[in-house]
Amino acid sequence: MRLGRVIGKVWATVKDEQLDAVKLAIIEVIDEKGRASGTIFVAADTIGSRDGDIVFWVGGGEATRPFPDRNIPSDVTIVGLVDSLDL
């Protein structure tokens, strides 16, 4: 799992049928100190995140695990909300 900050939402009037009930968020990858890496993804949002939230996300084949049929077109999925980081 990796850390990211939600920087926006995606509103799509037309998208793949398998994503109809899935919210999409724009996340920027950050490190454990909150520094942005410059990498930005559109991610399936399973937790209902808001702008500015720090989240953890998974990619690749693991990105489909939160979904019952595991047959969605997603490479990145937000799977948790970070309350705090202790280093």
N, C-alpha and C. Protein backbone atom coordinates (compact mmCIF):
# COMPACT_ATOMS: atom_id res chain seq x y z
N MET A 1 0.84 -1.18 0.00
CA MET A 1 0.00 0.00 0.00
C MET A 1 0.88 1.23 0.00
N ARG A 2 0.33 2.26 -0.60
CA ARG A 2 1.06 3.52 -0.72
C ARG A 2 0.18 4.66 -0.22
N LEU A 3 0.82 5.79 0.04
CA LEU A 3 0.09 6.97 0.51
C LEU A 3 -0.22 7.92 -0.63
N GLY A 4 -1.32 8.63 -0.50
CA GLY A 4 -1.69 9.64 -1.48
C GLY A 4 -2.57 10.71 -0.84
N ARG A 5 -2.67 11.84 -1.51
CA ARG A 5 -3.55 12.91 -1.06
C ARG A 5 -4.59 13.14 -2.14
N VAL A 6 -5.85 13.20 -1.73
CA VAL A 6 -6.93 13.44 -2.69
C VAL A 6 -6.88 14.91 -3.08
N ILE A 7 -6.79 15.16 -4.39
CA ILE A 7 -6.71 16.54 -4.87
C ILE A 7 -7.89 16.92 -5.76
N GLY A 8 -8.81 15.99 -5.94
CA GLY A 8 -9.98 16.31 -6.75
C GLY A 8 -10.84 15.08 -7.01
N LYS A 9 -11.94 15.31 -7.67
CA LYS A 9 -12.88 14.24 -8.04
C LYS A 9 -13.06 14.24 -9.55
N VAL A 10 -13.45 13.10 -10.07
CA VAL A 10 -13.75 12.97 -11.50
C VAL A 10 -15.25 12.80 -11.63
N TRP A 11 -15.87 13.64 -12.45
CA TRP A 11 -17.29 13.52 -12.75
C TRP A 11 -17.40 13.08 -14.20
N ALA A 12 -17.93 11.90 -14.44
CA ALA A 12 -18.03 11.37 -15.79
C ALA A 12 -19.49 11.02 -16.08
N THR A 13 -20.04 11.61 -17.12
CA THR A 13 -21.43 11.30 -17.47
C THR A 13 -21.52 9.97 -18.20
N VAL A 14 -20.44 9.57 -18.84
CA VAL A 14 -20.40 8.28 -19.52
C VAL A 14 -19.11 7.57 -19.09
N LYS A 15 -19.28 6.33 -18.60
CA LYS A 15 -18.12 5.53 -18.24
C LYS A 15 -18.48 4.06 -18.37
N ASP A 16 -17.50 3.21 -18.27
CA ASP A 16 -17.71 1.77 -18.38
C ASP A 16 -18.82 1.34 -17.41
N GLU A 17 -19.68 0.45 -17.84
CA GLU A 17 -20.80 -0.03 -17.02
C GLU A 17 -20.35 -0.56 -15.67
N GLN A 18 -19.20 -1.19 -15.64
CA GLN A 18 -18.70 -1.78 -14.39
C GLN A 18 -18.30 -0.72 -13.38
N LEU A 19 -18.18 0.54 -13.81
CA LEU A 19 -17.81 1.63 -12.91
C LEU A 19 -19.01 2.52 -12.55
N ASP A 20 -20.22 2.10 -12.94
CA ASP A 20 -21.39 2.94 -12.71
C ASP A 20 -21.57 3.37 -11.26
N ALA A 21 -21.40 2.49 -10.31
CA ALA A 21 -21.62 2.82 -8.90
C ALA A 21 -20.32 3.21 -8.18
N VAL A 22 -19.24 3.36 -8.93
CA VAL A 22 -17.93 3.64 -8.33
C VAL A 22 -17.57 5.11 -8.47
N LYS A 23 -17.23 5.75 -7.35
CA LYS A 23 -16.76 7.13 -7.39
C LYS A 23 -15.29 7.12 -7.79
N LEU A 24 -14.87 8.17 -8.47
CA LEU A 24 -13.48 8.29 -8.92
C LEU A 24 -12.85 9.53 -8.30
N ALA A 25 -11.63 9.38 -7.80
CA ALA A 25 -10.91 10.48 -7.17
C ALA A 25 -9.57 10.67 -7.86
N ILE A 26 -9.08 11.90 -7.82
CA ILE A 26 -7.74 12.20 -8.32
C ILE A 26 -6.83 12.25 -7.10
N ILE A 27 -5.77 11.43 -7.11
CA ILE A 27 -4.85 11.41 -5.98
C ILE A 27 -3.43 11.72 -6.46
N GLU A 28 -2.69 12.38 -5.58
CA GLU A 28 -1.27 12.64 -5.82
C GLU A 28 -0.49 11.78 -4.83
N VAL A 29 0.46 11.04 -5.33
CA VAL A 29 1.28 10.17 -4.49
C VAL A 29 2.14 11.03 -3.57
N ILE A 30 2.17 10.65 -2.28
CA ILE A 30 3.01 11.37 -1.31
C ILE A 30 3.88 10.36 -0.56
N ASP A 31 4.93 10.87 0.08
CA ASP A 31 5.76 10.00 0.91
C ASP A 31 5.27 10.09 2.35
N GLU A 32 5.95 9.41 3.27
CA GLU A 32 5.51 9.36 4.66
C GLU A 32 5.59 10.70 5.38
N LYS A 33 6.29 11.67 4.78
CA LYS A 33 6.37 13.01 5.36
C LYS A 33 5.39 13.98 4.70
N GLY A 34 4.58 13.46 3.78
CA GLY A 34 3.57 14.29 3.12
C GLY A 34 4.06 15.05 1.91
N ARG A 35 5.28 14.76 1.46
CA ARG A 35 5.84 15.44 0.29
C ARG A 35 5.31 14.79 -0.98
N ALA A 36 4.82 15.62 -1.88
CA ALA A 36 4.26 15.13 -3.15
C ALA A 36 5.38 14.65 -4.07
N SER A 37 5.11 13.56 -4.76
CA SER A 37 6.10 13.02 -5.69
C SER A 37 5.90 13.56 -7.11
N GLY A 38 4.74 14.16 -7.35
CA GLY A 38 4.43 14.65 -8.68
C GLY A 38 3.64 13.66 -9.52
N THR A 39 3.49 12.43 -9.03
CA THR A 39 2.72 11.42 -9.74
C THR A 39 1.25 11.55 -9.36
N ILE A 40 0.39 11.59 -10.36
CA ILE A 40 -1.05 11.75 -10.13
C ILE A 40 -1.79 10.61 -10.81
N PHE A 41 -2.79 10.06 -10.11
CA PHE A 41 -3.62 8.98 -10.63
C PHE A 41 -5.10 9.31 -10.48
N VAL A 42 -5.91 8.69 -11.33
CA VAL A 42 -7.35 8.63 -11.09
C VAL A 42 -7.58 7.27 -10.45
N ALA A 43 -8.24 7.27 -9.29
CA ALA A 43 -8.41 6.04 -8.54
C ALA A 43 -9.88 5.77 -8.25
N ALA A 44 -10.25 4.49 -8.25
CA ALA A 44 -11.56 4.10 -7.76
C ALA A 44 -11.57 4.37 -6.26
N ASP A 45 -12.63 5.00 -5.77
CA ASP A 45 -12.70 5.42 -4.38
C ASP A 45 -13.72 4.56 -3.63
N THR A 46 -13.24 3.64 -2.80
CA THR A 46 -14.14 2.75 -2.07
C THR A 46 -14.53 3.28 -0.70
N ILE A 47 -13.96 4.42 -0.29
CA ILE A 47 -14.19 4.90 1.08
C ILE A 47 -14.93 6.23 1.15
N GLY A 48 -15.19 6.87 0.02
CA GLY A 48 -15.87 8.17 0.04
C GLY A 48 -14.98 9.29 0.55
N SER A 49 -13.76 9.35 0.05
CA SER A 49 -12.80 10.36 0.49
C SER A 49 -13.21 11.76 0.03
N ARG A 50 -12.58 12.75 0.67
CA ARG A 50 -12.83 14.16 0.32
C ARG A 50 -11.51 14.82 -0.06
N ASP A 51 -11.61 15.97 -0.72
CA ASP A 51 -10.41 16.71 -1.09
C ASP A 51 -9.56 16.98 0.15
N GLY A 52 -8.25 16.75 0.02
CA GLY A 52 -7.31 16.99 1.10
C GLY A 52 -7.07 15.79 2.00
N ASP A 53 -7.91 14.76 1.91
CA ASP A 53 -7.72 13.56 2.73
C ASP A 53 -6.43 12.85 2.33
N ILE A 54 -5.74 12.30 3.34
CA ILE A 54 -4.61 11.42 3.07
C ILE A 54 -5.16 10.00 3.10
N VAL A 55 -4.87 9.27 2.06
CA VAL A 55 -5.43 7.93 1.89
C VAL A 55 -4.32 6.93 1.61
N PHE A 56 -4.63 5.64 1.77
CA PHE A 56 -3.71 4.65 1.24
C PHE A 56 -4.40 3.91 0.13
N TRP A 57 -3.59 3.52 -0.85
CA TRP A 57 -4.13 2.95 -2.08
C TRP A 57 -3.30 1.75 -2.52
N VAL A 58 -3.93 0.94 -3.34
CA VAL A 58 -3.26 -0.22 -3.92
C VAL A 58 -3.35 -0.13 -5.44
N GLY A 59 -2.43 -0.81 -6.11
CA GLY A 59 -2.43 -0.78 -7.57
C GLY A 59 -2.32 -2.16 -8.16
N GLY A 60 -2.47 -2.23 -9.47
CA GLY A 60 -2.35 -3.49 -10.18
C GLY A 60 -3.52 -4.41 -9.89
N GLY A 61 -3.24 -5.70 -9.82
CA GLY A 61 -4.27 -6.70 -9.57
C GLY A 61 -4.98 -6.51 -8.24
N GLU A 62 -4.27 -5.98 -7.25
CA GLU A 62 -4.87 -5.74 -5.94
C GLU A 62 -5.95 -4.67 -5.99
N ALA A 63 -5.94 -3.83 -7.01
CA ALA A 63 -6.91 -2.74 -7.11
C ALA A 63 -8.33 -3.24 -7.35
N THR A 64 -8.47 -4.48 -7.78
CA THR A 64 -9.81 -5.02 -8.02
C THR A 64 -10.36 -5.79 -6.82
N ARG A 65 -9.56 -6.09 -5.83
CA ARG A 65 -9.98 -6.91 -4.69
C ARG A 65 -11.13 -6.32 -3.87
N PRO A 66 -11.25 -5.01 -3.70
CA PRO A 66 -12.36 -4.50 -2.90
C PRO A 66 -13.73 -4.67 -3.57
N PHE A 67 -13.76 -5.07 -4.81
CA PHE A 67 -15.02 -5.17 -5.55
C PHE A 67 -15.47 -6.62 -5.64
N PRO A 68 -16.76 -6.88 -5.45
CA PRO A 68 -17.27 -8.26 -5.40
C PRO A 68 -16.94 -9.11 -6.61
N ASP A 69 -17.08 -8.56 -7.83
CA ASP A 69 -16.85 -9.39 -9.01
C ASP A 69 -15.41 -9.34 -9.52
N ARG A 70 -14.61 -8.43 -8.97
CA ARG A 70 -13.19 -8.29 -9.33
C ARG A 70 -12.96 -8.15 -10.83
N ASN A 71 -13.92 -7.64 -11.53
CA ASN A 71 -13.79 -7.51 -12.97
C ASN A 71 -14.05 -6.06 -13.38
N ILE A 72 -13.39 -5.13 -12.71
CA ILE A 72 -13.56 -3.72 -13.06
C ILE A 72 -12.29 -3.20 -13.71
N PRO A 73 -12.43 -2.20 -14.55
CA PRO A 73 -11.25 -1.62 -15.20
C PRO A 73 -10.58 -0.56 -14.32
N SER A 74 -9.85 -1.00 -13.30
CA SER A 74 -9.16 -0.07 -12.41
C SER A 74 -7.76 -0.58 -12.12
N ASP A 75 -6.78 0.30 -12.20
CA ASP A 75 -5.41 -0.03 -11.83
C ASP A 75 -5.04 0.54 -10.47
N VAL A 76 -5.84 1.49 -9.97
CA VAL A 76 -5.57 2.13 -8.68
C VAL A 76 -6.88 2.23 -7.92
N THR A 77 -6.88 1.80 -6.65
CA THR A 77 -8.06 1.88 -5.81
C THR A 77 -7.69 2.38 -4.43
N ILE A 78 -8.45 3.36 -3.94
CA ILE A 78 -8.27 3.85 -2.57
C ILE A 78 -8.95 2.85 -1.64
N VAL A 79 -8.19 2.38 -0.63
CA VAL A 79 -8.74 1.36 0.26
C VAL A 79 -8.78 1.79 1.73
N GLY A 80 -8.25 2.95 2.06
CA GLY A 80 -8.28 3.38 3.45
C GLY A 80 -8.00 4.85 3.63
N LEU A 81 -8.46 5.37 4.75
CA LEU A 81 -8.26 6.77 5.12
C LEU A 81 -7.22 6.81 6.24
N VAL A 82 -6.23 7.66 6.11
CA VAL A 82 -5.16 7.78 7.11
C VAL A 82 -5.59 8.83 8.14
N ASP A 83 -5.67 8.41 9.41
CA ASP A 83 -6.01 9.34 10.48
C ASP A 83 -4.78 10.10 10.94
N SER A 84 -3.66 9.38 11.09
CA SER A 84 -2.42 10.03 11.50
C SER A 84 -1.24 9.14 11.12
N LEU A 85 -0.08 9.76 11.06
CA LEU A 85 1.17 9.05 10.78
C LEU A 85 2.14 9.33 11.92
N ASP A 86 2.71 8.28 12.49
CA ASP A 86 3.73 8.43 13.53
C ASP A 86 5.02 7.87 12.97
N LEU A 87 6.03 8.71 12.87
CA LEU A 87 7.32 8.27 12.34
C LEU A 87 8.32 8.07 13.45
